[in-house]
Amino acid sequence: MHQLNELKNTYEEGKEPAKDRAFFLYVKQETEPIFHLLDEWEALAIDLINKKQISIHEQQIHATKDNMKKLMMHSYYADVRKRRYMDIYKSCKYIFNQLLKETK
């Protein structure tokens, strides 16, 4: 959840990204840990689904992972309208909150 909020803050800062290799490497460095964390999260969530410990569907997990990847790119390359960004953000946040609620 922390990473989700950090991505939102990056988007809201709205800095115009440089279109060079240095900026690409910066984005890669910043997002790589999130990609790894997202892979781990997906595996754990699917394991919980298979053990029938949560009521969220596997399709929702995959969609949330895809949406997080979109958020990562949209956060650094502000190429989407704020409304669309917030729709994706809220969708991810909802699933993360549901998982937290159901695993407590």
N, C-alpha and C. Protein backbone atom coordinates (compact mmCIF):
# COMPACT_ATOMS: atom_id res chain seq x y z
N MET A 1 0.82 -1.19 0.00
CA MET A 1 0.00 0.00 0.00
C MET A 1 0.87 1.26 0.00
N HIS A 2 2.00 1.16 0.68
CA HIS A 2 2.92 2.30 0.73
C HIS A 2 3.39 2.68 -0.67
N GLN A 3 3.73 1.66 -1.46
CA GLN A 3 4.21 1.91 -2.81
C GLN A 3 3.13 2.56 -3.67
N LEU A 4 1.90 2.14 -3.46
CA LEU A 4 0.77 2.72 -4.21
C LEU A 4 0.67 4.22 -3.93
N ASN A 5 0.78 4.60 -2.68
CA ASN A 5 0.71 6.02 -2.31
C ASN A 5 1.92 6.80 -2.83
N GLU A 6 3.09 6.17 -2.83
CA GLU A 6 4.27 6.83 -3.37
C GLU A 6 4.13 7.09 -4.87
N LEU A 7 3.56 6.13 -5.58
CA LEU A 7 3.34 6.32 -7.01
C LEU A 7 2.37 7.47 -7.26
N LYS A 8 1.34 7.54 -6.44
CA LYS A 8 0.36 8.63 -6.57
C LYS A 8 1.04 9.99 -6.32
N ASN A 9 1.89 10.05 -5.31
CA ASN A 9 2.62 11.29 -5.04
C ASN A 9 3.50 11.69 -6.21
N THR A 10 4.16 10.72 -6.81
CA THR A 10 5.00 10.99 -7.98
C THR A 10 4.16 11.56 -9.12
N TYR A 11 2.99 10.95 -9.34
CA TYR A 11 2.10 11.43 -10.40
C TYR A 11 1.65 12.86 -10.12
N GLU A 12 1.27 13.13 -8.87
CA GLU A 12 0.74 14.45 -8.52
C GLU A 12 1.81 15.54 -8.58
N GLU A 13 3.08 15.17 -8.40
CA GLU A 13 4.15 16.15 -8.54
C GLU A 13 4.22 16.66 -9.97
N GLY A 14 3.86 15.78 -10.89
CA GLY A 14 3.70 16.17 -12.29
C GLY A 14 4.91 16.75 -12.98
N LYS A 15 6.08 16.29 -12.62
CA LYS A 15 7.28 16.78 -13.29
C LYS A 15 7.29 16.30 -14.73
N GLU A 16 7.69 17.15 -15.63
CA GLU A 16 7.79 16.78 -17.04
C GLU A 16 8.98 15.84 -17.20
N PRO A 17 8.73 14.60 -17.64
CA PRO A 17 9.83 13.65 -17.74
C PRO A 17 10.76 13.97 -18.90
N ALA A 18 12.02 13.76 -18.65
CA ALA A 18 12.99 13.88 -19.73
C ALA A 18 12.83 12.64 -20.61
N LYS A 19 13.00 12.82 -21.87
CA LYS A 19 12.83 11.70 -22.79
C LYS A 19 14.21 11.16 -23.20
N ASP A 20 15.02 10.88 -22.20
CA ASP A 20 16.37 10.39 -22.49
C ASP A 20 16.65 9.10 -21.73
N ARG A 21 17.78 8.53 -22.01
CA ARG A 21 18.16 7.25 -21.39
C ARG A 21 18.34 7.38 -19.88
N ALA A 22 18.85 8.49 -19.43
CA ALA A 22 19.07 8.69 -18.00
C ALA A 22 17.75 8.62 -17.23
N PHE A 23 16.72 9.25 -17.78
CA PHE A 23 15.42 9.20 -17.12
C PHE A 23 14.86 7.78 -17.15
N PHE A 24 15.01 7.09 -18.26
CA PHE A 24 14.57 5.71 -18.36
C PHE A 24 15.24 4.85 -17.30
N LEU A 25 16.54 5.01 -17.13
CA LEU A 25 17.28 4.24 -16.13
C LEU A 25 16.83 4.60 -14.71
N TYR A 26 16.52 5.87 -14.49
CA TYR A 26 16.00 6.31 -13.19
C TYR A 26 14.66 5.63 -12.89
N VAL A 27 13.77 5.63 -13.87
CA VAL A 27 12.46 5.00 -13.69
C VAL A 27 12.62 3.50 -13.45
N LYS A 28 13.49 2.89 -14.19
CA LYS A 28 13.75 1.45 -14.03
C LYS A 28 14.24 1.16 -12.62
N GLN A 29 15.17 1.97 -12.14
CA GLN A 29 15.72 1.79 -10.80
C GLN A 29 14.64 1.97 -9.73
N GLU A 30 13.77 2.95 -9.91
CA GLU A 30 12.72 3.23 -8.94
C GLU A 30 11.63 2.16 -8.93
N THR A 31 11.31 1.61 -10.09
CA THR A 31 10.17 0.68 -10.19
C THR A 31 10.55 -0.79 -10.07
N GLU A 32 11.79 -1.12 -10.28
CA GLU A 32 12.20 -2.53 -10.23
C GLU A 32 11.84 -3.21 -8.90
N PRO A 33 12.09 -2.58 -7.75
CA PRO A 33 11.69 -3.23 -6.49
C PRO A 33 10.16 -3.43 -6.40
N ILE A 34 9.41 -2.50 -6.97
CA ILE A 34 7.95 -2.63 -6.93
C ILE A 34 7.51 -3.80 -7.81
N PHE A 35 8.16 -3.97 -8.96
CA PHE A 35 7.84 -5.10 -9.83
C PHE A 35 8.08 -6.43 -9.10
N HIS A 36 9.19 -6.53 -8.40
CA HIS A 36 9.49 -7.75 -7.65
C HIS A 36 8.48 -7.98 -6.52
N LEU A 37 8.17 -6.92 -5.82
CA LEU A 37 7.19 -7.01 -4.74
C LEU A 37 5.82 -7.41 -5.29
N LEU A 38 5.47 -6.89 -6.43
CA LEU A 38 4.20 -7.20 -7.07
C LEU A 38 4.14 -8.68 -7.48
N ASP A 39 5.24 -9.22 -7.98
CA ASP A 39 5.29 -10.64 -8.32
C ASP A 39 5.09 -11.51 -7.08
N GLU A 40 5.74 -11.14 -5.99
CA GLU A 40 5.59 -11.88 -4.73
C GLU A 40 4.16 -11.78 -4.22
N TRP A 41 3.59 -10.59 -4.29
CA TRP A 41 2.22 -10.37 -3.84
C TRP A 41 1.25 -11.24 -4.63
N GLU A 42 1.42 -11.27 -5.94
CA GLU A 42 0.54 -12.07 -6.80
C GLU A 42 0.62 -13.55 -6.41
N ALA A 43 1.81 -14.07 -6.23
CA ALA A 43 1.98 -15.48 -5.87
C ALA A 43 1.32 -15.79 -4.53
N LEU A 44 1.53 -14.91 -3.55
CA LEU A 44 0.91 -15.13 -2.23
C LEU A 44 -0.61 -15.05 -2.29
N ALA A 45 -1.12 -14.08 -3.03
CA ALA A 45 -2.57 -13.92 -3.13
C ALA A 45 -3.20 -15.12 -3.83
N ILE A 46 -2.59 -15.61 -4.88
CA ILE A 46 -3.12 -16.77 -5.59
C ILE A 46 -3.06 -18.01 -4.69
N ASP A 47 -2.01 -18.11 -3.90
CA ASP A 47 -1.92 -19.22 -2.95
C ASP A 47 -3.07 -19.16 -1.94
N LEU A 48 -3.38 -17.96 -1.45
CA LEU A 48 -4.51 -17.81 -0.52
C LEU A 48 -5.84 -18.17 -1.19
N ILE A 49 -5.97 -17.82 -2.45
CA ILE A 49 -7.19 -18.16 -3.19
C ILE A 49 -7.31 -19.67 -3.33
N ASN A 50 -6.21 -20.32 -3.70
CA ASN A 50 -6.23 -21.78 -3.86
C ASN A 50 -6.52 -22.51 -2.56
N LYS A 51 -6.12 -21.92 -1.45
CA LYS A 51 -6.40 -22.51 -0.14
C LYS A 51 -7.78 -22.09 0.38
N LYS A 52 -8.48 -21.31 -0.44
CA LYS A 52 -9.84 -20.83 -0.11
C LYS A 52 -9.86 -20.01 1.19
N GLN A 53 -8.81 -19.21 1.40
CA GLN A 53 -8.72 -18.37 2.58
C GLN A 53 -9.23 -16.96 2.34
N ILE A 54 -9.41 -16.61 1.07
CA ILE A 54 -9.95 -15.29 0.73
C ILE A 54 -11.00 -15.46 -0.37
N SER A 55 -11.91 -14.51 -0.46
CA SER A 55 -13.00 -14.61 -1.43
C SER A 55 -12.74 -13.86 -2.73
N ILE A 56 -11.59 -13.25 -2.84
CA ILE A 56 -11.24 -12.52 -4.05
C ILE A 56 -10.91 -13.54 -5.14
N HIS A 57 -11.25 -13.22 -6.38
CA HIS A 57 -11.02 -14.13 -7.49
C HIS A 57 -9.64 -13.91 -8.09
N GLU A 58 -9.11 -14.96 -8.67
CA GLU A 58 -7.78 -14.90 -9.28
C GLU A 58 -7.72 -13.84 -10.38
N GLN A 59 -8.81 -13.70 -11.12
CA GLN A 59 -8.87 -12.69 -12.19
C GLN A 59 -8.64 -11.28 -11.61
N GLN A 60 -9.18 -11.02 -10.42
CA GLN A 60 -9.00 -9.71 -9.79
C GLN A 60 -7.54 -9.47 -9.42
N ILE A 61 -6.85 -10.54 -9.01
CA ILE A 61 -5.44 -10.43 -8.66
C ILE A 61 -4.63 -10.07 -9.91
N HIS A 62 -4.88 -10.78 -11.00
CA HIS A 62 -4.15 -10.51 -12.24
C HIS A 62 -4.44 -9.10 -12.75
N ALA A 63 -5.70 -8.69 -12.68
CA ALA A 63 -6.07 -7.35 -13.14
C ALA A 63 -5.41 -6.28 -12.28
N THR A 64 -5.34 -6.51 -10.98
CA THR A 64 -4.70 -5.55 -10.08
C THR A 64 -3.20 -5.44 -10.37
N LYS A 65 -2.58 -6.57 -10.64
CA LYS A 65 -1.15 -6.54 -10.99
C LYS A 65 -0.95 -5.73 -12.28
N ASP A 66 -1.77 -5.98 -13.27
CA ASP A 66 -1.68 -5.22 -14.53
C ASP A 66 -1.92 -3.73 -14.29
N ASN A 67 -2.89 -3.41 -13.45
CA ASN A 67 -3.18 -2.01 -13.15
C ASN A 67 -2.02 -1.34 -12.41
N MET A 68 -1.38 -2.08 -11.52
CA MET A 68 -0.22 -1.51 -10.82
C MET A 68 0.92 -1.22 -11.80
N LYS A 69 1.10 -2.09 -12.77
CA LYS A 69 2.13 -1.85 -13.78
C LYS A 69 1.80 -0.58 -14.57
N LYS A 70 0.54 -0.40 -14.89
CA LYS A 70 0.12 0.82 -15.59
C LYS A 70 0.36 2.04 -14.73
N LEU A 71 0.01 1.94 -13.45
CA LEU A 71 0.23 3.07 -12.54
C LEU A 71 1.70 3.45 -12.45
N MET A 72 2.56 2.45 -12.42
CA MET A 72 3.99 2.74 -12.34
C MET A 72 4.43 3.58 -13.53
N MET A 73 4.02 3.19 -14.70
CA MET A 73 4.43 3.93 -15.89
C MET A 73 3.74 5.29 -15.96
N HIS A 74 2.46 5.34 -15.66
CA HIS A 74 1.74 6.62 -15.70
C HIS A 74 2.23 7.59 -14.63
N SER A 75 2.78 7.07 -13.55
CA SER A 75 3.27 7.94 -12.48
C SER A 75 4.50 8.72 -12.91
N TYR A 76 5.34 8.09 -13.70
CA TYR A 76 6.58 8.74 -14.15
C TYR A 76 6.42 9.42 -15.50
N TYR A 77 5.62 8.82 -16.36
CA TYR A 77 5.33 9.40 -17.67
C TYR A 77 3.86 9.81 -17.64
N ALA A 78 3.60 11.00 -17.17
CA ALA A 78 2.22 11.46 -16.97
C ALA A 78 1.52 11.61 -18.32
N ASP A 79 1.11 10.49 -18.87
CA ASP A 79 0.51 10.48 -20.19
C ASP A 79 -0.96 10.06 -20.17
N VAL A 80 -1.57 10.22 -19.03
CA VAL A 80 -2.98 9.86 -18.88
C VAL A 80 -3.67 10.95 -18.05
N ARG A 81 -4.94 11.15 -18.31
CA ARG A 81 -5.69 12.16 -17.55
C ARG A 81 -5.82 11.75 -16.09
N LYS A 82 -5.95 12.75 -15.24
CA LYS A 82 -6.03 12.49 -13.81
C LYS A 82 -7.19 11.57 -13.46
N ARG A 83 -8.33 11.75 -14.10
CA ARG A 83 -9.49 10.91 -13.78
C ARG A 83 -9.19 9.43 -14.05
N ARG A 84 -8.59 9.15 -15.18
CA ARG A 84 -8.24 7.76 -15.52
C ARG A 84 -7.21 7.22 -14.53
N TYR A 85 -6.23 8.04 -14.20
CA TYR A 85 -5.22 7.62 -13.24
C TYR A 85 -5.87 7.27 -11.90
N MET A 86 -6.76 8.13 -11.44
CA MET A 86 -7.41 7.90 -10.16
C MET A 86 -8.33 6.67 -10.19
N ASP A 87 -8.95 6.39 -11.31
CA ASP A 87 -9.76 5.17 -11.44
C ASP A 87 -8.90 3.93 -11.25
N ILE A 88 -7.74 3.92 -11.87
CA ILE A 88 -6.83 2.78 -11.73
C ILE A 88 -6.32 2.70 -10.30
N TYR A 89 -5.95 3.84 -9.75
CA TYR A 89 -5.45 3.91 -8.37
C TYR A 89 -6.48 3.35 -7.38
N LYS A 90 -7.72 3.81 -7.50
CA LYS A 90 -8.78 3.37 -6.59
C LYS A 90 -9.08 1.88 -6.74
N SER A 91 -9.00 1.38 -7.95
CA SER A 91 -9.22 -0.04 -8.19
C SER A 91 -8.16 -0.87 -7.47
N CYS A 92 -6.91 -0.48 -7.59
CA CYS A 92 -5.82 -1.18 -6.90
C CYS A 92 -5.99 -1.09 -5.39
N LYS A 93 -6.26 0.09 -4.93
CA LYS A 93 -6.41 0.31 -3.49
C LYS A 93 -7.55 -0.54 -2.92
N TYR A 94 -8.65 -0.66 -3.65
CA TYR A 94 -9.79 -1.45 -3.20
C TYR A 94 -9.38 -2.92 -3.00
N ILE A 95 -8.70 -3.49 -3.99
CA ILE A 95 -8.29 -4.89 -3.89
C ILE A 95 -7.28 -5.09 -2.76
N PHE A 96 -6.32 -4.18 -2.64
CA PHE A 96 -5.35 -4.29 -1.55
C PHE A 96 -6.05 -4.22 -0.19
N ASN A 97 -6.99 -3.30 -0.04
CA ASN A 97 -7.73 -3.20 1.22
C ASN A 97 -8.56 -4.44 1.50
N GLN A 98 -9.18 -5.00 0.44
CA GLN A 98 -9.96 -6.24 0.61
C GLN A 98 -9.07 -7.37 1.11
N LEU A 99 -7.90 -7.49 0.51
CA LEU A 99 -6.97 -8.54 0.93
C LEU A 99 -6.54 -8.35 2.38
N LEU A 100 -6.22 -7.12 2.74
CA LEU A 100 -5.83 -6.85 4.12
C LEU A 100 -6.96 -7.19 5.09
N LYS A 101 -8.15 -6.80 4.72
CA LYS A 101 -9.33 -7.05 5.57
C LYS A 101 -9.57 -8.55 5.74
N GLU A 102 -9.46 -9.29 4.66
CA GLU A 102 -9.76 -10.72 4.71
C GLU A 102 -8.65 -11.56 5.34
N THR A 103 -7.45 -11.05 5.38
CA THR A 103 -6.35 -11.82 5.96
C THR A 103 -6.11 -11.50 7.43
N LYS A 104 -6.86 -10.57 7.96
CA LYS A 104 -6.70 -10.25 9.39
C LYS A 104 -7.48 -11.23 10.24
